[in-house]
Amino acid sequence: MKKYIYYAALSCLLAFTSCSVEETVPNNTLGNENGFQYNSIAYITDMVYVTPEGDVILTSNNLSDNGSANDVDVAVFKTIESTLVERSYYVGGDLTNYITVANGDLNQGEVIDGEFILEESIVSSGFFRIVSVDRNKKEIHLIFEFQRTDGELVAGSFNGNYALSTF
Protein backbone atom coordinates (compact mmCIF):
# COMPACT_ATOMS: atom_id res chain seq x y z
CA MET A 1 0.00 0.00 0.00
CA LYS A 2 2.86 2.38 0.82
CA LYS A 3 4.22 1.74 -2.65
CA TYR A 4 0.97 2.96 -4.28
CA ILE A 5 0.83 6.07 -2.08
CA TYR A 6 4.44 6.86 -3.02
CA TYR A 7 3.70 6.55 -6.76
CA ALA A 8 0.51 8.62 -6.45
CA ALA A 9 2.41 11.38 -4.60
CA LEU A 10 5.21 11.30 -7.17
CA SER A 11 2.70 11.51 -10.03
CA CYS A 12 1.00 14.53 -8.44
CA LEU A 13 4.34 16.23 -7.86
CA LEU A 14 5.36 15.77 -11.50
CA ALA A 15 1.99 16.94 -12.76
CA PHE A 16 2.05 20.14 -10.73
CA THR A 17 5.68 21.08 -11.42
CA SER A 18 5.72 20.55 -15.17
CA CYS A 19 5.79 23.54 -17.55
CA SER A 20 2.54 24.93 -18.77
CA VAL A 21 1.79 24.79 -22.47
CA GLU A 22 2.65 28.48 -22.84
CA GLU A 23 6.16 28.34 -21.30
CA THR A 24 7.91 26.81 -24.28
CA VAL A 25 8.05 27.57 -27.99
CA PRO A 26 6.88 24.62 -30.13
CA ASN A 27 9.08 23.40 -32.99
CA ASN A 28 11.85 25.70 -31.78
CA THR A 29 14.53 26.29 -34.44
CA LEU A 30 16.13 28.99 -32.29
CA GLY A 31 18.02 26.62 -30.02
CA ASN A 32 18.96 28.63 -26.93
CA GLU A 33 18.92 31.97 -28.79
CA ASN A 34 16.52 34.83 -28.17
CA GLY A 35 14.35 35.69 -31.14
CA PHE A 36 11.50 34.47 -33.27
CA GLN A 37 11.00 31.91 -36.01
CA TYR A 38 8.92 31.82 -39.13
CA ASN A 39 8.96 29.41 -42.05
CA SER A 40 11.85 27.44 -40.46
CA ILE A 41 14.02 30.58 -40.34
CA ALA A 42 15.33 31.88 -37.02
CA TYR A 43 15.51 35.65 -36.51
CA ILE A 44 17.80 36.44 -33.57
CA THR A 45 16.74 39.38 -31.39
CA ASP A 46 19.31 39.95 -28.67
CA MET A 47 17.83 43.13 -27.21
CA VAL A 48 14.57 44.04 -25.55
CA TYR A 49 13.38 47.56 -24.91
CA VAL A 50 10.42 48.53 -22.74
CA THR A 51 8.78 51.87 -23.51
CA PRO A 52 7.30 54.22 -20.89
CA GLU A 53 3.85 52.93 -22.00
CA GLY A 54 4.84 49.32 -21.22
CA ASP A 55 5.27 48.25 -24.87
CA VAL A 56 7.87 45.54 -25.49
CA ILE A 57 10.23 45.73 -28.48
CA LEU A 58 12.56 42.84 -29.39
CA THR A 59 15.32 43.86 -31.82
CA SER A 60 18.38 42.44 -33.51
CA ASN A 61 20.21 45.80 -33.31
CA ASN A 62 20.55 48.58 -30.76
CA LEU A 63 18.03 51.37 -31.09
CA SER A 64 19.09 54.99 -31.06
CA ASP A 65 17.93 57.31 -28.28
CA ASN A 66 14.88 58.24 -30.34
CA GLY A 67 13.94 54.60 -31.04
CA SER A 68 15.26 54.43 -34.59
CA ALA A 69 17.16 51.63 -36.35
CA ASN A 70 17.68 50.37 -39.89
CA ASP A 71 17.86 46.83 -41.28
CA VAL A 72 16.60 45.26 -38.06
CA ASP A 73 14.60 42.11 -37.25
CA VAL A 74 11.98 43.24 -34.76
CA ALA A 75 8.87 42.19 -32.85
CA VAL A 76 6.69 44.81 -31.14
CA PHE A 77 3.95 44.01 -28.62
CA LYS A 78 1.47 46.48 -27.15
CA THR A 79 -0.95 45.50 -24.41
CA ILE A 80 -3.61 47.14 -22.27
CA GLU A 81 -1.09 47.38 -19.40
CA SER A 82 1.04 50.48 -18.85
CA THR A 83 3.67 48.49 -16.92
CA LEU A 84 5.17 45.00 -17.19
CA VAL A 85 2.82 42.43 -15.70
CA GLU A 86 3.48 38.67 -15.57
CA ARG A 87 0.56 37.27 -17.52
CA SER A 88 -0.68 36.23 -20.96
CA TYR A 89 -2.20 38.59 -23.51
CA TYR A 90 -4.34 37.25 -26.35
CA VAL A 91 -5.30 38.23 -29.90
CA GLY A 92 -8.83 39.61 -29.92
CA GLY A 93 -8.53 40.65 -26.27
CA ASP A 94 -5.93 42.50 -24.25
CA LEU A 95 -3.11 42.37 -26.84
CA THR A 96 -3.79 45.65 -28.63
CA ASN A 97 -1.07 45.56 -31.29
CA TYR A 98 1.59 43.13 -32.48
CA ILE A 99 3.93 43.21 -35.42
CA THR A 100 6.95 41.20 -36.51
CA VAL A 101 9.25 42.34 -39.30
CA ALA A 102 12.47 41.11 -40.92
CA ASN A 103 15.00 43.60 -42.30
CA GLY A 104 12.86 46.50 -41.18
CA ASP A 105 13.28 50.12 -40.20
CA LEU A 106 12.07 51.70 -36.96
CA ASN A 107 11.30 55.31 -36.18
CA GLN A 108 10.49 56.21 -32.56
CA GLY A 109 9.84 52.54 -31.86
CA GLU A 110 7.31 52.19 -34.70
CA VAL A 111 7.92 49.89 -37.68
CA ILE A 112 7.93 51.91 -40.90
CA ASP A 113 9.33 49.44 -43.45
CA GLY A 114 10.47 45.84 -43.92
CA GLU A 115 9.24 42.32 -44.66
CA PHE A 116 6.08 42.06 -42.56
CA ILE A 117 5.89 38.55 -41.11
CA LEU A 118 3.17 39.23 -38.56
CA GLU A 119 0.54 41.94 -38.34
CA GLU A 120 -3.08 42.11 -37.21
CA SER A 121 -4.62 41.58 -40.65
CA ILE A 122 -2.96 38.17 -41.16
CA VAL A 123 -3.32 36.61 -37.68
CA SER A 124 -6.06 34.18 -36.70
CA SER A 125 -4.97 33.49 -33.10
CA GLY A 126 -2.10 33.84 -30.71
CA PHE A 127 -0.66 35.06 -27.44
CA PHE A 128 2.19 37.05 -25.93
CA ARG A 129 3.22 36.09 -22.41
CA ILE A 130 5.48 37.72 -19.86
CA VAL A 131 6.57 34.63 -17.94
CA SER A 132 8.68 36.53 -15.40
CA VAL A 133 10.07 40.00 -14.85
CA ASP A 134 12.54 41.37 -12.29
CA ARG A 135 12.42 45.16 -12.36
CA ASN A 136 15.41 45.56 -10.02
CA LYS A 137 17.72 43.48 -12.23
CA LYS A 138 15.91 44.53 -15.43
CA GLU A 139 15.46 40.90 -16.47
CA ILE A 140 12.54 39.50 -18.44
CA HIS A 141 11.44 36.13 -19.78
CA LEU A 142 8.75 36.23 -22.45
CA ILE A 143 7.30 33.94 -25.09
CA PHE A 144 4.86 34.37 -27.94
CA GLU A 145 3.10 32.29 -30.58
CA PHE A 146 0.79 33.38 -33.39
CA GLN A 147 -1.07 31.41 -36.04
CA ARG A 148 -1.27 33.28 -39.35
CA THR A 149 -4.36 33.03 -41.57
CA ASP A 150 -2.28 31.05 -44.10
CA GLY A 151 -1.63 28.39 -41.43
CA GLU A 152 1.99 29.39 -40.76
CA LEU A 153 3.22 29.70 -37.19
CA VAL A 154 5.29 32.62 -35.85
CA ALA A 155 6.77 31.90 -32.43
CA GLY A 156 9.55 33.23 -30.28
CA SER A 157 11.03 33.92 -26.89
CA PHE A 158 13.43 36.12 -25.00
CA ASN A 159 15.13 35.49 -21.67
CA GLY A 160 17.58 38.13 -20.47
CA ASN A 161 18.08 41.78 -19.65
CA TYR A 162 15.93 44.59 -20.99
CA ALA A 163 16.54 48.32 -21.35
CA LEU A 164 14.10 51.09 -20.56
CA SER A 165 13.55 53.30 -23.57
CA THR A 166 13.08 57.04 -23.57
CA PHE A 167 11.00 57.28 -26.76
C-alpha atoms as a PDB file:
ATOM      1  CA  MET A   1       0.000   0.000   0.000  1.00  0.00           C
ATOM      2  CA  LYS A   2       2.863   2.381   0.824  1.00  0.00           C
ATOM      3  CA  LYS A   3       4.220   1.741  -2.654  1.00  0.00           C
ATOM      4  CA  TYR A   4       0.967   2.958  -4.277  1.00  0.00           C
ATOM      5  CA  ILE A   5       0.832   6.071  -2.084  1.00  0.00           C
ATOM      6  CA  TYR A   6       4.442   6.857  -3.020  1.00  0.00           C
ATOM      7  CA  TYR A   7       3.696   6.549  -6.761  1.00  0.00           C
ATOM      8  CA  ALA A   8       0.514   8.621  -6.447  1.00  0.00           C
ATOM      9  CA  ALA A   9       2.406  11.377  -4.600  1.00  0.00           C
ATOM     10  CA  LEU A  10       5.214  11.298  -7.166  1.00  0.00           C
ATOM     11  CA  SER A  11       2.704  11.512 -10.030  1.00  0.00           C
ATOM     12  CA  CYS A  12       1.002  14.531  -8.445  1.00  0.00           C
ATOM     13  CA  LEU A  13       4.344  16.225  -7.859  1.00  0.00           C
ATOM     14  CA  LEU A  14       5.360  15.768 -11.498  1.00  0.00           C
ATOM     15  CA  ALA A  15       1.990  16.938 -12.763  1.00  0.00           C
ATOM     16  CA  PHE A  16       2.047  20.145 -10.730  1.00  0.00           C
ATOM     17  CA  THR A  17       5.684  21.080 -11.418  1.00  0.00           C
ATOM     18  CA  SER A  18       5.719  20.547 -15.174  1.00  0.00           C
ATOM     19  CA  CYS A  19       5.794  23.538 -17.547  1.00  0.00           C
ATOM     20  CA  SER A  20       2.537  24.932 -18.765  1.00  0.00           C
ATOM     21  CA  VAL A  21       1.787  24.787 -22.468  1.00  0.00           C
ATOM     22  CA  GLU A  22       2.651  28.480 -22.838  1.00  0.00           C
ATOM     23  CA  GLU A  23       6.157  28.344 -21.300  1.00  0.00           C
ATOM     24  CA  THR A  24       7.914  26.809 -24.284  1.00  0.00           C
ATOM     25  CA  VAL A  25       8.052  27.573 -27.986  1.00  0.00           C
ATOM     26  CA  PRO A  26       6.883  24.618 -30.129  1.00  0.00           C
ATOM     27  CA  ASN A  27       9.081  23.396 -32.991  1.00  0.00           C
ATOM     28  CA  ASN A  28      11.847  25.697 -31.784  1.00  0.00           C
ATOM     29  CA  THR A  29      14.527  26.294 -34.443  1.00  0.00           C
ATOM     30  CA  LEU A  30      16.133  28.989 -32.293  1.00  0.00           C
ATOM     31  CA  GLY A  31      18.024  26.622 -30.016  1.00  0.00           C
ATOM     32  CA  ASN A  32      18.959  28.634 -26.931  1.00  0.00           C
ATOM     33  CA  GLU A  33      18.921  31.966 -28.791  1.00  0.00           C
ATOM     34  CA  ASN A  34      16.519  34.826 -28.169  1.00  0.00           C
ATOM     35  CA  GLY A  35      14.352  35.693 -31.138  1.00  0.00           C
ATOM     36  CA  PHE A  36      11.496  34.467 -33.269  1.00  0.00           C
ATOM     37  CA  GLN A  37      10.995  31.912 -36.005  1.00  0.00           C
ATOM     38  CA  TYR A  38       8.917  31.821 -39.126  1.00  0.00           C
ATOM     39  CA  ASN A  39       8.955  29.410 -42.050  1.00  0.00           C
ATOM     40  CA  SER A  40      11.848  27.445 -40.456  1.00  0.00           C
ATOM     41  CA  ILE A  41      14.022  30.584 -40.340  1.00  0.00           C
ATOM     42  CA  ALA A  42      15.331  31.881 -37.017  1.00  0.00           C
ATOM     43  CA  TYR A  43      15.513  35.650 -36.510  1.00  0.00           C
ATOM     44  CA  ILE A  44      17.802  36.439 -33.569  1.00  0.00           C
ATOM     45  CA  THR A  45      16.744  39.375 -31.392  1.00  0.00           C
ATOM     46  CA  ASP A  46      19.312  39.948 -28.669  1.00  0.00           C
ATOM     47  CA  MET A  47      17.835  43.129 -27.209  1.00  0.00           C
ATOM     48  CA  VAL A  48      14.566  44.043 -25.554  1.00  0.00           C
ATOM     49  CA  TYR A  49      13.378  47.563 -24.914  1.00  0.00           C
ATOM     50  CA  VAL A  50      10.423  48.526 -22.740  1.00  0.00           C
ATOM     51  CA  THR A  51       8.778  51.867 -23.508  1.00  0.00           C
ATOM     52  CA  PRO A  52       7.297  54.220 -20.894  1.00  0.00           C
ATOM     53  CA  GLU A  53       3.854  52.935 -22.002  1.00  0.00           C
ATOM     54  CA  GLY A  54       4.839  49.321 -21.224  1.00  0.00           C
ATOM     55  CA  ASP A  55       5.272  48.252 -24.867  1.00  0.00           C
ATOM     56  CA  VAL A  56       7.868  45.537 -25.487  1.00  0.00           C
ATOM     57  CA  ILE A  57      10.230  45.733 -28.479  1.00  0.00           C
ATOM     58  CA  LEU A  58      12.561  42.844 -29.393  1.00  0.00           C
ATOM     59  CA  THR A  59      15.320  43.864 -31.820  1.00  0.00           C
ATOM     60  CA  SER A  60      18.379  42.437 -33.514  1.00  0.00           C
ATOM     61  CA  ASN A  61      20.213  45.800 -33.308  1.00  0.00           C
ATOM     62  CA  ASN A  62      20.553  48.575 -30.762  1.00  0.00           C
ATOM     63  CA  LEU A  63      18.026  51.366 -31.095  1.00  0.00           C
ATOM     64  CA  SER A  64      19.094  54.987 -31.062  1.00  0.00           C
ATOM     65  CA  ASP A  65      17.932  57.308 -28.279  1.00  0.00           C
ATOM     66  CA  ASN A  66      14.877  58.245 -30.341  1.00  0.00           C
ATOM     67  CA  GLY A  67      13.944  54.597 -31.042  1.00  0.00           C
ATOM     68  CA  SER A  68      15.259  54.431 -34.585  1.00  0.00           C
ATOM     69  CA  ALA A  69      17.158  51.626 -36.354  1.00  0.00           C
ATOM     70  CA  ASN A  70      17.676  50.373 -39.887  1.00  0.00           C
ATOM     71  CA  ASP A  71      17.863  46.829 -41.277  1.00  0.00           C
ATOM     72  CA  VAL A  72      16.596  45.257 -38.062  1.00  0.00           C
ATOM     73  CA  ASP A  73      14.597  42.114 -37.246  1.00  0.00           C
ATOM     74  CA  VAL A  74      11.982  43.236 -34.755  1.00  0.00           C
ATOM     75  CA  ALA A  75       8.874  42.186 -32.854  1.00  0.00           C
ATOM     76  CA  VAL A  76       6.693  44.809 -31.142  1.00  0.00           C
ATOM     77  CA  PHE A  77       3.946  44.006 -28.624  1.00  0.00           C
ATOM     78  CA  LYS A  78       1.473  46.482 -27.153  1.00  0.00           C
ATOM     79  CA  THR A  79      -0.953  45.496 -24.410  1.00  0.00           C
ATOM     80  CA  ILE A  80      -3.609  47.143 -22.270  1.00  0.00           C
ATOM     81  CA  GLU A  81      -1.094  47.382 -19.403  1.00  0.00           C
ATOM     82  CA  SER A  82       1.040  50.480 -18.848  1.00  0.00           C
ATOM     83  CA  THR A  83       3.672  48.485 -16.920  1.00  0.00           C
ATOM     84  CA  LEU A  84       5.174  45.001 -17.193  1.00  0.00           C
ATOM     85  CA  VAL A  85       2.815  42.428 -15.702  1.00  0.00           C
ATOM     86  CA  GLU A  86       3.481  38.671 -15.572  1.00  0.00           C
ATOM     87  CA  ARG A  87       0.557  37.273 -17.521  1.00  0.00           C
ATOM     88  CA  SER A  88      -0.675  36.225 -20.961  1.00  0.00           C
ATOM     89  CA  TYR A  89      -2.196  38.588 -23.515  1.00  0.00           C
ATOM     90  CA  TYR A  90      -4.343  37.253 -26.347  1.00  0.00           C
ATOM     91  CA  VAL A  91      -5.302  38.235 -29.901  1.00  0.00           C
ATOM     92  CA  GLY A  92      -8.831  39.613 -29.916  1.00  0.00           C
ATOM     93  CA  GLY A  93      -8.531  40.646 -26.275  1.00  0.00           C
ATOM     94  CA  ASP A  94      -5.929  42.503 -24.254  1.00  0.00           C
ATOM     95  CA  LEU A  95      -3.109  42.368 -26.836  1.00  0.00           C
ATOM     96  CA  THR A  96      -3.786  45.647 -28.629  1.00  0.00           C
ATOM     97  CA  ASN A  97      -1.073  45.561 -31.293  1.00  0.00           C
ATOM     98  CA  TYR A  98       1.593  43.127 -32.479  1.00  0.00           C
ATOM     99  CA  ILE A  99       3.926  43.214 -35.425  1.00  0.00           C
ATOM    100  CA  THR A 100       6.951  41.197 -36.508  1.00  0.00           C
ATOM    101  CA  VAL A 101       9.252  42.343 -39.302  1.00  0.00           C
ATOM    102  CA  ALA A 102      12.467  41.108 -40.921  1.00  0.00           C
ATOM    103  CA  ASN A 103      15.003  43.605 -42.299  1.00  0.00           C
ATOM    104  CA  GLY A 104      12.858  46.503 -41.183  1.00  0.00           C
ATOM    105  CA  ASP A 105      13.275  50.119 -40.199  1.00  0.00           C
ATOM    106  CA  LEU A 106      12.071  51.697 -36.963  1.00  0.00           C
ATOM    107  CA  ASN A 107      11.300  55.310 -36.180  1.00  0.00           C
ATOM    108  CA  GLN A 108      10.495  56.213 -32.565  1.00  0.00           C
ATOM    109  CA  GLY A 109       9.844  52.539 -31.862  1.00  0.00           C
ATOM    110  CA  GLU A 110       7.310  52.192 -34.695  1.00  0.00           C
ATOM    111  CA  VAL A 111       7.921  49.891 -37.680  1.00  0.00           C
ATOM    112  CA  ILE A 112       7.930  51.913 -40.900  1.00  0.00           C
ATOM    113  CA  ASP A 113       9.330  49.441 -43.446  1.00  0.00           C
ATOM    114  CA  GLY A 114      10.471  45.841 -43.923  1.00  0.00           C
ATOM    115  CA  GLU A 115       9.238  42.321 -44.664  1.00  0.00           C
ATOM    116  CA  PHE A 116       6.083  42.056 -42.560  1.00  0.00           C
ATOM    117  CA  ILE A 117       5.888  38.554 -41.108  1.00  0.00           C
ATOM    118  CA  LEU A 118       3.169  39.226 -38.561  1.00  0.00           C
ATOM    119  CA  GLU A 119       0.535  41.935 -38.336  1.00  0.00           C
ATOM    120  CA  GLU A 120      -3.075  42.110 -37.213  1.00  0.00           C
ATOM    121  CA  SER A 121      -4.623  41.578 -40.647  1.00  0.00           C
ATOM    122  CA  ILE A 122      -2.960  38.168 -41.157  1.00  0.00           C
ATOM    123  CA  VAL A 123      -3.321  36.614 -37.679  1.00  0.00           C
ATOM    124  CA  SER A 124      -6.061  34.180 -36.702  1.00  0.00           C
ATOM    125  CA  SER A 125      -4.974  33.486 -33.099  1.00  0.00           C
ATOM    126  CA  GLY A 126      -2.099  33.836 -30.705  1.00  0.00           C
ATOM    127  CA  PHE A 127      -0.663  35.058 -27.442  1.00  0.00           C
ATOM    128  CA  PHE A 128       2.191  37.054 -25.927  1.00  0.00           C
ATOM    129  CA  ARG A 129       3.217  36.090 -22.407  1.00  0.00           C
ATOM    130  CA  ILE A 130       5.481  37.720 -19.859  1.00  0.00           C
ATOM    131  CA  VAL A 131       6.575  34.635 -17.942  1.00  0.00           C
ATOM    132  CA  SER A 132       8.679  36.534 -15.402  1.00  0.00           C
ATOM    133  CA  VAL A 133      10.072  40.002 -14.847  1.00  0.00           C
ATOM    134  CA  ASP A 134      12.543  41.374 -12.294  1.00  0.00           C
ATOM    135  CA  ARG A 135      12.416  45.165 -12.359  1.00  0.00           C
ATOM    136  CA  ASN A 136      15.411  45.558 -10.024  1.00  0.00           C
ATOM    137  CA  LYS A 137      17.721  43.481 -12.226  1.00  0.00           C
ATOM    138  CA  LYS A 138      15.911  44.530 -15.427  1.00  0.00           C
ATOM    139  CA  GLU A 139      15.459  40.899 -16.471  1.00  0.00           C
ATOM    140  CA  ILE A 140      12.542  39.503 -18.435  1.00  0.00           C
ATOM    141  CA  HIS A 141      11.438  36.132 -19.778  1.00  0.00           C
ATOM    142  CA  LEU A 142       8.750  36.233 -22.446  1.00  0.00           C
ATOM    143  CA  ILE A 143       7.298  33.943 -25.085  1.00  0.00           C
ATOM    144  CA  PHE A 144       4.856  34.369 -27.943  1.00  0.00           C
ATOM    145  CA  GLU A 145       3.096  32.295 -30.578  1.00  0.00           C
ATOM    146  CA  PHE A 146       0.794  33.375 -33.386  1.00  0.00           C
ATOM    147  CA  GLN A 147      -1.073  31.414 -36.042  1.00  0.00           C
ATOM    148  CA  ARG A 148      -1.274  33.276 -39.351  1.00  0.00           C
ATOM    149  CA  THR A 149      -4.362  33.026 -41.567  1.00  0.00           C
ATOM    150  CA  ASP A 150      -2.276  31.054 -44.102  1.00  0.00           C
ATOM    151  CA  GLY A 151      -1.630  28.386 -41.425  1.00  0.00           C
ATOM    152  CA  GLU A 152       1.993  29.392 -40.762  1.00  0.00           C
ATOM    153  CA  LEU A 153       3.224  29.703 -37.187  1.00  0.00           C
ATOM    154  CA  VAL A 154       5.292  32.618 -35.854  1.00  0.00           C
ATOM    155  CA  ALA A 155       6.767  31.898 -32.432  1.00  0.00           C
ATOM    156  CA  GLY A 156       9.552  33.229 -30.278  1.00  0.00           C
ATOM    157  CA  SER A 157      11.026  33.916 -26.890  1.00  0.00           C
ATOM    158  CA  PHE A 158      13.432  36.119 -24.996  1.00  0.00           C
ATOM    159  CA  ASN A 159      15.128  35.488 -21.666  1.00  0.00           C
ATOM    160  CA  GLY A 160      17.579  38.129 -20.471  1.00  0.00           C
ATOM    161  CA  ASN A 161      18.081  41.776 -19.655  1.00  0.00           C
ATOM    162  CA  TYR A 162      15.933  44.593 -20.988  1.00  0.00           C
ATOM    163  CA  ALA A 163      16.543  48.321 -21.346  1.00  0.00           C
ATOM    164  CA  LEU A 164      14.102  51.092 -20.565  1.00  0.00           C
ATOM    165  CA  SER A 165      13.550  53.301 -23.571  1.00  0.00           C
ATOM    166  CA  THR A 166      13.076  57.040 -23.570  1.00  0.00           C
ATOM    167  CA  PHE A 167      10.997  57.284 -26.760  1.00  0.00           C
END
